[in-house]
Amino acid sequence: MGQSRRGPLPQVPKGMRCPICTAPAEAAFKPFCSSRCSDVDLSRWLRGSYAIAGGEQDADEDGDDTHARQRPDQTPPADDTDN
């Protein structure tokens, strides 16, 4: 099951290293040195080993807290701590 490539392989910058094993990168597997390192990287992503850092999530970002939000035409309950 070979795939045919159209045109020349992309150039790899001189000194570019494989992010998995630090061997020199190969144009055919850019930015990796081999299909093995490419597969190792893919496996790490699929298992969730890599994570993209994010900021604080909004309370209603996923839609779960939409019922908890107060409508603008409602006034908040009075605070009766002065008794």
Protein backbone atom coordinates (compact mmCIF):
# COMPACT_ATOMS: atom_id res chain seq x y z
CA MET A 1 0.00 0.00 0.00
CA GLY A 2 2.40 2.68 -1.12
CA GLN A 3 1.36 6.26 -1.39
CA SER A 4 2.68 8.29 -4.26
CA ARG A 5 3.89 11.78 -3.47
CA ARG A 6 3.47 14.61 -5.91
CA GLY A 7 6.42 16.85 -6.30
CA PRO A 8 9.59 17.02 -4.24
CA LEU A 9 9.66 16.30 -0.52
CA PRO A 10 9.52 19.35 1.76
CA GLN A 11 12.88 20.65 2.88
CA VAL A 12 13.92 20.10 6.48
CA PRO A 13 15.80 23.02 8.05
CA LYS A 14 19.43 22.19 8.74
CA GLY A 15 19.91 21.03 12.31
CA MET A 16 16.23 20.18 12.87
CA ARG A 17 15.93 17.30 15.33
CA CYS A 18 13.20 14.73 15.87
CA PRO A 19 11.11 15.76 18.90
CA ILE A 20 10.87 12.12 20.04
CA CYS A 21 14.42 10.75 19.84
CA THR A 22 16.48 13.85 18.84
CA ALA A 23 17.90 12.15 15.71
CA PRO A 24 18.21 14.38 12.63
CA ALA A 25 14.78 14.93 11.05
CA GLU A 26 14.01 13.39 7.66
CA ALA A 27 12.06 15.23 4.95
CA ALA A 28 9.74 12.26 4.39
CA PHE A 29 8.62 12.26 8.03
CA LYS A 30 9.02 15.96 8.91
CA PRO A 31 9.41 16.93 11.79
CA PHE A 32 10.26 13.34 12.81
CA CYS A 33 13.13 11.08 11.77
CA SER A 34 11.04 8.00 10.96
CA SER A 35 7.52 6.61 10.78
CA ARG A 36 8.16 4.94 14.15
CA CYS A 37 8.71 8.30 15.90
CA SER A 38 5.71 9.73 14.08
CA ASP A 39 3.59 6.83 15.37
CA VAL A 40 4.93 7.26 18.91
CA ASP A 41 3.88 10.91 18.84
CA LEU A 42 0.42 10.06 17.49
CA SER A 43 -0.01 7.42 20.18
CA ARG A 44 0.86 9.95 22.89
CA TRP A 45 -1.78 12.36 21.58
CA LEU A 46 -4.43 9.63 21.38
CA ARG A 47 -3.73 8.41 24.93
CA GLY A 48 -3.96 11.97 26.25
CA SER A 49 -0.32 12.18 27.34
CA TYR A 50 -0.07 15.61 25.77
CA ALA A 51 -2.29 18.43 26.95
CA ILE A 52 -2.73 21.98 25.77
CA ALA A 53 -2.74 24.39 28.69
CA GLY A 54 -5.84 26.53 28.96
CA GLY A 55 -7.12 29.29 31.15
CA GLU A 56 -10.07 29.30 33.49
CA GLN A 57 -13.20 27.88 31.91
CA ASP A 58 -16.29 30.08 31.92
CA ALA A 59 -19.08 28.68 34.07
CA ASP A 60 -21.46 28.51 31.11
CA GLU A 61 -18.93 27.68 28.41
CA ASP A 62 -20.16 24.12 28.06
CA GLY A 63 -23.81 25.07 28.49
CA ASP A 64 -24.36 23.25 31.79
CA ASP A 65 -24.85 26.37 33.89
CA THR A 66 -27.14 28.34 31.58
CA HIS A 67 -30.12 27.74 33.87
CA ALA A 68 -28.17 29.10 36.86
CA ARG A 69 -27.50 32.49 35.29
CA GLN A 70 -29.73 35.32 36.39
CA ARG A 71 -31.66 37.25 33.77
CA PRO A 72 -30.92 40.99 33.57
CA ASP A 73 -34.54 41.91 34.41
CA GLN A 74 -34.37 40.08 37.77
CA THR A 75 -33.04 41.76 40.88
CA PRO A 76 -30.77 39.79 43.21
CA PRO A 77 -32.24 38.68 46.55
CA ALA A 78 -31.86 41.15 49.41
CA ASP A 79 -29.23 40.47 52.04
CA ASP A 80 -30.99 40.36 55.44
CA THR A 81 -27.91 40.24 57.68
CA ASP A 82 -28.70 43.57 59.42
CA ASN A 83 -31.30 42.08 61.81
